[in-house]
Amino acid sequence: MRRKRGLISAVVAAAALLLGGCAGGEVSAADVQQSVRDGLATQGIEVQSVTCPTGVEATVGTVAVCTVELVDEDAFGQPVDRVRVVVTEVSGDELRYRLEPLAVGVPDDHGLTDDHTTTE
């Protein structure tokens, strides 16, 4: 019997990134990947790999979804295969965001409201 898997409601970490000198204010995919890895590590969650298909725009509400492979796939109490990065604040050259783990089988946009934009 397979149990239904839903969105894991915990916000893993809130973090900040510095915007590069690029016009348009975007954090590169490589920088987001490292920040996701670091943010999960601060919560005691070991990551084998993180892949973010795009960078993150410096606009409040921007959303990017990164694929993660965790050392302990049940670190959140159920299997997680993605982390949603949601920009919460932009101040000068600093971008703040929160990480939201997504359980296996849950759509990337599950639980998002209309004021979010997806950059994937």
N, C-alpha and C. Protein backbone atom coordinates (compact mmCIF):
# COMPACT_ATOMS: atom_id res chain seq x y z
N MET A 1 0.85 -1.18 0.00
CA MET A 1 0.00 0.00 0.00
C MET A 1 0.89 1.24 0.00
N ARG A 2 0.63 2.13 -0.89
CA ARG A 2 1.43 3.33 -1.01
C ARG A 2 0.73 4.48 -0.32
N ARG A 3 1.47 5.18 0.54
CA ARG A 3 0.85 6.30 1.23
C ARG A 3 0.93 7.57 0.40
N LYS A 4 -0.04 8.43 0.57
CA LYS A 4 -0.07 9.69 -0.17
C LYS A 4 1.01 10.61 0.39
N ARG A 5 1.75 11.23 -0.50
CA ARG A 5 2.81 12.13 -0.08
C ARG A 5 2.41 13.55 -0.40
N GLY A 6 2.50 14.42 0.57
CA GLY A 6 2.13 15.81 0.36
C GLY A 6 3.31 16.74 0.51
N LEU A 7 3.02 18.02 0.42
CA LEU A 7 4.04 19.03 0.62
C LEU A 7 4.51 18.99 2.05
N ILE A 8 5.78 19.01 2.23
CA ILE A 8 6.32 19.09 3.59
C ILE A 8 6.26 20.56 3.96
N SER A 9 5.52 20.87 5.01
CA SER A 9 5.23 22.26 5.32
C SER A 9 6.39 23.01 5.96
N ALA A 10 7.41 22.33 6.39
CA ALA A 10 8.51 23.00 7.05
C ALA A 10 9.31 23.85 6.06
N VAL A 11 9.64 25.03 6.50
CA VAL A 11 10.59 25.84 5.76
C VAL A 11 11.95 25.45 6.30
N VAL A 12 12.82 25.02 5.43
CA VAL A 12 14.10 24.49 5.87
C VAL A 12 15.00 25.57 6.41
N ALA A 13 15.19 26.62 5.66
CA ALA A 13 16.12 27.66 6.07
C ALA A 13 15.79 28.95 5.35
N ALA A 14 16.10 30.02 5.99
CA ALA A 14 16.04 31.31 5.32
C ALA A 14 17.49 31.72 5.14
N ALA A 15 17.82 32.22 4.00
CA ALA A 15 19.20 32.54 3.72
C ALA A 15 19.29 33.79 2.87
N ALA A 16 20.52 34.24 2.66
CA ALA A 16 20.75 35.42 1.84
C ALA A 16 21.88 35.13 0.86
N LEU A 17 21.78 35.76 -0.29
CA LEU A 17 22.82 35.69 -1.32
C LEU A 17 23.15 37.11 -1.75
N LEU A 18 24.38 37.32 -2.16
CA LEU A 18 24.75 38.61 -2.72
C LEU A 18 24.55 38.56 -4.22
N LEU A 19 23.98 39.62 -4.75
CA LEU A 19 23.81 39.72 -6.20
C LEU A 19 25.14 40.04 -6.83
N GLY A 20 25.41 39.41 -7.95
CA GLY A 20 26.63 39.70 -8.68
C GLY A 20 26.52 41.04 -9.37
N GLY A 21 27.54 41.44 -10.04
CA GLY A 21 27.55 42.72 -10.73
C GLY A 21 26.78 42.69 -12.04
N CYS A 22 26.06 41.61 -12.30
CA CYS A 22 25.37 41.51 -13.58
C CYS A 22 24.14 42.41 -13.63
N ALA A 23 23.88 42.93 -14.79
CA ALA A 23 22.69 43.75 -15.00
C ALA A 23 21.48 42.84 -14.91
N GLY A 24 20.40 43.36 -14.41
CA GLY A 24 19.19 42.57 -14.31
C GLY A 24 19.04 41.90 -12.96
N GLY A 25 20.09 41.88 -12.16
CA GLY A 25 20.00 41.35 -10.81
C GLY A 25 19.56 39.91 -10.73
N GLU A 26 20.46 39.02 -11.04
CA GLU A 26 20.16 37.59 -10.94
C GLU A 26 21.32 36.88 -10.26
N VAL A 27 20.98 35.91 -9.43
CA VAL A 27 21.98 35.06 -8.80
C VAL A 27 22.12 33.84 -9.69
N SER A 28 23.35 33.46 -10.00
CA SER A 28 23.59 32.35 -10.92
C SER A 28 23.10 31.03 -10.35
N ALA A 29 22.82 30.08 -11.23
CA ALA A 29 22.39 28.75 -10.81
C ALA A 29 23.44 28.11 -9.91
N ALA A 30 24.72 28.28 -10.24
CA ALA A 30 25.80 27.70 -9.42
C ALA A 30 25.79 28.26 -8.00
N ASP A 31 25.57 29.57 -7.86
CA ASP A 31 25.52 30.18 -6.52
C ASP A 31 24.29 29.72 -5.75
N VAL A 32 23.16 29.58 -6.45
CA VAL A 32 21.94 29.09 -5.79
C VAL A 32 22.16 27.65 -5.31
N GLN A 33 22.76 26.82 -6.14
CA GLN A 33 23.03 25.42 -5.77
C GLN A 33 23.87 25.35 -4.51
N GLN A 34 24.93 26.15 -4.44
CA GLN A 34 25.79 26.14 -3.26
C GLN A 34 25.03 26.62 -2.04
N SER A 35 24.20 27.64 -2.21
CA SER A 35 23.44 28.18 -1.09
C SER A 35 22.39 27.18 -0.59
N VAL A 36 21.76 26.44 -1.51
CA VAL A 36 20.82 25.39 -1.11
C VAL A 36 21.56 24.34 -0.29
N ARG A 37 22.72 23.92 -0.79
CA ARG A 37 23.54 22.94 -0.07
C ARG A 37 23.89 23.45 1.34
N ASP A 38 24.33 24.71 1.43
CA ASP A 38 24.69 25.30 2.71
C ASP A 38 23.49 25.44 3.64
N GLY A 39 22.34 25.88 3.07
CA GLY A 39 21.14 26.05 3.87
C GLY A 39 20.65 24.74 4.47
N LEU A 40 20.68 23.68 3.68
CA LEU A 40 20.27 22.37 4.19
C LEU A 40 21.26 21.87 5.25
N ALA A 41 22.54 22.13 5.02
CA ALA A 41 23.57 21.70 5.97
C ALA A 41 23.38 22.36 7.34
N THR A 42 22.94 23.62 7.35
CA THR A 42 22.71 24.29 8.64
C THR A 42 21.59 23.63 9.43
N GLN A 43 20.76 22.86 8.73
CA GLN A 43 19.67 22.13 9.38
C GLN A 43 20.06 20.67 9.66
N GLY A 44 21.33 20.34 9.41
CA GLY A 44 21.81 18.99 9.66
C GLY A 44 21.44 18.00 8.57
N ILE A 45 21.10 18.50 7.39
CA ILE A 45 20.69 17.63 6.28
C ILE A 45 21.82 17.57 5.26
N GLU A 46 22.35 16.37 5.06
CA GLU A 46 23.45 16.18 4.12
C GLU A 46 22.93 15.99 2.71
N VAL A 47 23.56 16.68 1.77
CA VAL A 47 23.14 16.67 0.38
C VAL A 47 24.20 15.98 -0.47
N GLN A 48 23.78 15.04 -1.30
CA GLN A 48 24.70 14.42 -2.25
C GLN A 48 24.84 15.30 -3.49
N SER A 49 23.71 15.84 -3.97
CA SER A 49 23.77 16.70 -5.15
C SER A 49 22.61 17.69 -5.15
N VAL A 50 22.84 18.83 -5.81
CA VAL A 50 21.83 19.86 -6.01
C VAL A 50 21.97 20.33 -7.45
N THR A 51 20.84 20.41 -8.16
CA THR A 51 20.85 20.91 -9.52
C THR A 51 19.73 21.94 -9.67
N CYS A 52 20.12 23.17 -9.97
CA CYS A 52 19.15 24.23 -10.23
C CYS A 52 19.24 24.58 -11.71
N PRO A 53 18.12 24.45 -12.44
CA PRO A 53 18.17 24.66 -13.88
C PRO A 53 18.37 26.12 -14.29
N THR A 54 18.08 27.05 -13.38
CA THR A 54 18.22 28.47 -13.68
C THR A 54 18.75 29.20 -12.47
N GLY A 55 19.17 30.43 -12.70
CA GLY A 55 19.50 31.30 -11.59
C GLY A 55 18.21 31.84 -10.98
N VAL A 56 18.35 32.76 -10.04
CA VAL A 56 17.18 33.33 -9.38
C VAL A 56 17.19 34.84 -9.59
N GLU A 57 16.10 35.35 -10.14
CA GLU A 57 15.94 36.79 -10.34
C GLU A 57 15.79 37.49 -9.00
N ALA A 58 16.29 38.71 -8.93
CA ALA A 58 16.19 39.51 -7.72
C ALA A 58 14.87 40.25 -7.67
N THR A 59 13.78 39.48 -7.60
CA THR A 59 12.43 40.03 -7.53
C THR A 59 11.67 39.24 -6.46
N VAL A 60 11.09 39.95 -5.50
CA VAL A 60 10.32 39.28 -4.45
C VAL A 60 9.23 38.43 -5.09
N GLY A 61 9.13 37.19 -4.63
CA GLY A 61 8.13 36.26 -5.14
C GLY A 61 8.65 35.33 -6.21
N THR A 62 9.85 35.60 -6.74
CA THR A 62 10.42 34.70 -7.74
C THR A 62 10.65 33.33 -7.13
N VAL A 63 10.36 32.30 -7.91
CA VAL A 63 10.48 30.92 -7.44
C VAL A 63 11.34 30.14 -8.42
N ALA A 64 12.25 29.35 -7.89
CA ALA A 64 13.01 28.40 -8.69
C ALA A 64 12.96 27.07 -7.96
N VAL A 65 12.93 25.98 -8.69
CA VAL A 65 12.89 24.66 -8.08
C VAL A 65 14.18 23.92 -8.43
N CYS A 66 14.85 23.44 -7.40
CA CYS A 66 16.11 22.71 -7.58
C CYS A 66 15.89 21.25 -7.21
N THR A 67 16.50 20.37 -7.98
CA THR A 67 16.46 18.94 -7.70
C THR A 67 17.54 18.64 -6.69
N VAL A 68 17.20 17.85 -5.67
CA VAL A 68 18.18 17.48 -4.65
C VAL A 68 18.21 15.97 -4.47
N GLU A 69 19.39 15.48 -4.16
CA GLU A 69 19.55 14.09 -3.74
C GLU A 69 20.17 14.16 -2.36
N LEU A 70 19.42 13.66 -1.38
CA LEU A 70 19.86 13.72 0.02
C LEU A 70 20.54 12.43 0.42
N VAL A 71 21.49 12.52 1.35
CA VAL A 71 22.15 11.33 1.87
C VAL A 71 21.10 10.44 2.54
N ASP A 72 20.23 11.04 3.36
CA ASP A 72 19.12 10.33 4.00
C ASP A 72 17.84 10.81 3.32
N GLU A 73 17.31 10.02 2.40
CA GLU A 73 16.14 10.48 1.64
C GLU A 73 14.92 10.76 2.50
N ASP A 74 14.88 10.25 3.72
CA ASP A 74 13.77 10.51 4.63
C ASP A 74 14.12 11.54 5.70
N ALA A 75 15.08 12.40 5.43
CA ALA A 75 15.52 13.40 6.41
C ALA A 75 14.38 14.31 6.86
N PHE A 76 13.36 14.46 6.02
CA PHE A 76 12.21 15.30 6.36
C PHE A 76 11.02 14.47 6.82
N GLY A 77 11.22 13.17 7.04
CA GLY A 77 10.12 12.31 7.45
C GLY A 77 9.44 11.62 6.29
N GLN A 78 9.75 12.02 5.08
CA GLN A 78 9.28 11.39 3.85
C GLN A 78 10.24 11.78 2.74
N PRO A 79 10.28 11.02 1.67
CA PRO A 79 11.24 11.30 0.60
C PRO A 79 11.04 12.68 -0.03
N VAL A 80 12.13 13.42 -0.18
CA VAL A 80 12.14 14.74 -0.80
C VAL A 80 13.08 14.68 -1.98
N ASP A 81 12.64 15.20 -3.13
CA ASP A 81 13.51 15.18 -4.31
C ASP A 81 13.75 16.57 -4.90
N ARG A 82 13.11 17.60 -4.34
CA ARG A 82 13.27 18.96 -4.82
C ARG A 82 13.18 19.94 -3.66
N VAL A 83 13.77 21.10 -3.87
CA VAL A 83 13.65 22.20 -2.91
C VAL A 83 13.24 23.43 -3.70
N ARG A 84 12.19 24.08 -3.22
CA ARG A 84 11.74 25.31 -3.87
C ARG A 84 12.45 26.49 -3.19
N VAL A 85 13.01 27.38 -4.00
CA VAL A 85 13.68 28.59 -3.53
C VAL A 85 12.73 29.74 -3.81
N VAL A 86 12.29 30.45 -2.76
CA VAL A 86 11.33 31.54 -2.91
C VAL A 86 11.97 32.83 -2.40
N VAL A 87 12.11 33.82 -3.29
CA VAL A 87 12.71 35.10 -2.92
C VAL A 87 11.73 35.85 -2.02
N THR A 88 12.20 36.25 -0.83
CA THR A 88 11.34 36.93 0.13
C THR A 88 11.66 38.41 0.30
N GLU A 89 12.89 38.81 -0.06
CA GLU A 89 13.28 40.21 0.12
C GLU A 89 14.50 40.51 -0.75
N VAL A 90 14.51 41.72 -1.30
CA VAL A 90 15.66 42.20 -2.04
C VAL A 90 16.01 43.56 -1.44
N SER A 91 17.24 43.67 -0.97
CA SER A 91 17.69 44.91 -0.35
C SER A 91 19.10 45.22 -0.84
N GLY A 92 19.21 46.25 -1.66
CA GLY A 92 20.52 46.59 -2.23
C GLY A 92 21.05 45.43 -3.05
N ASP A 93 22.23 44.94 -2.68
CA ASP A 93 22.81 43.82 -3.43
C ASP A 93 22.60 42.49 -2.72
N GLU A 94 21.65 42.45 -1.79
CA GLU A 94 21.37 41.22 -1.05
C GLU A 94 19.98 40.70 -1.37
N LEU A 95 19.89 39.40 -1.60
CA LEU A 95 18.64 38.73 -1.90
C LEU A 95 18.38 37.72 -0.79
N ARG A 96 17.24 37.79 -0.15
CA ARG A 96 16.87 36.83 0.89
C ARG A 96 15.81 35.89 0.35
N TYR A 97 15.88 34.64 0.78
CA TYR A 97 14.93 33.65 0.29
C TYR A 97 14.71 32.58 1.34
N ARG A 98 13.67 31.77 1.11
CA ARG A 98 13.43 30.62 1.98
C ARG A 98 13.46 29.37 1.12
N LEU A 99 13.81 28.27 1.76
CA LEU A 99 13.86 26.97 1.10
C LEU A 99 12.67 26.15 1.57
N GLU A 100 11.94 25.58 0.63
CA GLU A 100 10.79 24.74 0.95
C GLU A 100 11.00 23.36 0.33
N PRO A 101 11.15 22.32 1.15
CA PRO A 101 11.31 20.97 0.60
C PRO A 101 10.01 20.49 -0.04
N LEU A 102 10.14 19.78 -1.16
CA LEU A 102 8.98 19.21 -1.85
C LEU A 102 9.09 17.70 -1.86
N ALA A 103 8.05 17.05 -1.38
CA ALA A 103 8.03 15.59 -1.33
C ALA A 103 7.93 15.01 -2.74
N VAL A 104 8.44 13.82 -2.89
CA VAL A 104 8.37 13.10 -4.16
C VAL A 104 6.91 13.05 -4.62
N GLY A 105 6.67 13.39 -5.88
CA GLY A 105 5.32 13.32 -6.45
C GLY A 105 4.49 14.58 -6.31
N VAL A 106 4.95 15.54 -5.53
CA VAL A 106 4.22 16.79 -5.35
C VAL A 106 4.60 17.74 -6.48
N PRO A 107 3.62 18.37 -7.14
CA PRO A 107 3.95 19.32 -8.21
C PRO A 107 4.78 20.49 -7.69
N ASP A 108 5.65 21.01 -8.55
CA ASP A 108 6.53 22.13 -8.16
C ASP A 108 5.76 23.34 -7.65
N ASP A 109 4.56 23.57 -8.18
CA ASP A 109 3.80 24.77 -7.81
C ASP A 109 2.77 24.52 -6.71
N HIS A 110 2.78 23.35 -6.10
CA HIS A 110 1.82 23.02 -5.05
C HIS A 110 1.96 24.00 -3.88
N GLY A 111 0.87 24.61 -3.51
CA GLY A 111 0.85 25.50 -2.36
C GLY A 111 1.27 26.93 -2.65
N LEU A 112 1.63 27.25 -3.88
CA LEU A 112 2.01 28.62 -4.23
C LEU A 112 0.77 29.44 -4.49
N THR A 113 0.86 30.73 -4.18
CA THR A 113 -0.24 31.66 -4.46
C THR A 113 0.06 32.40 -5.76
N ASP A 114 -0.88 33.18 -6.23
CA ASP A 114 -0.74 33.89 -7.49
C ASP A 114 0.36 34.95 -7.50
N ASP A 115 0.84 35.36 -6.32
CA ASP A 115 1.85 36.43 -6.30
C ASP A 115 3.27 35.91 -6.49
N HIS A 116 3.42 34.65 -6.85
CA HIS A 116 4.74 34.06 -7.10
C HIS A 116 4.93 33.87 -8.61
N THR A 117 6.14 34.06 -9.04
CA THR A 117 6.49 33.81 -10.44
C THR A 117 7.45 32.65 -10.48
N THR A 118 7.33 31.79 -11.44
CA THR A 118 8.25 30.68 -11.55
C THR A 118 9.28 30.99 -12.61
N THR A 119 10.56 30.69 -12.30
CA THR A 119 11.63 30.97 -13.23
C THR A 119 12.21 29.67 -13.78
N GLU A 120 11.41 28.68 -13.92
CA GLU A 120 11.89 27.39 -14.40
C GLU A 120 11.39 27.10 -15.78
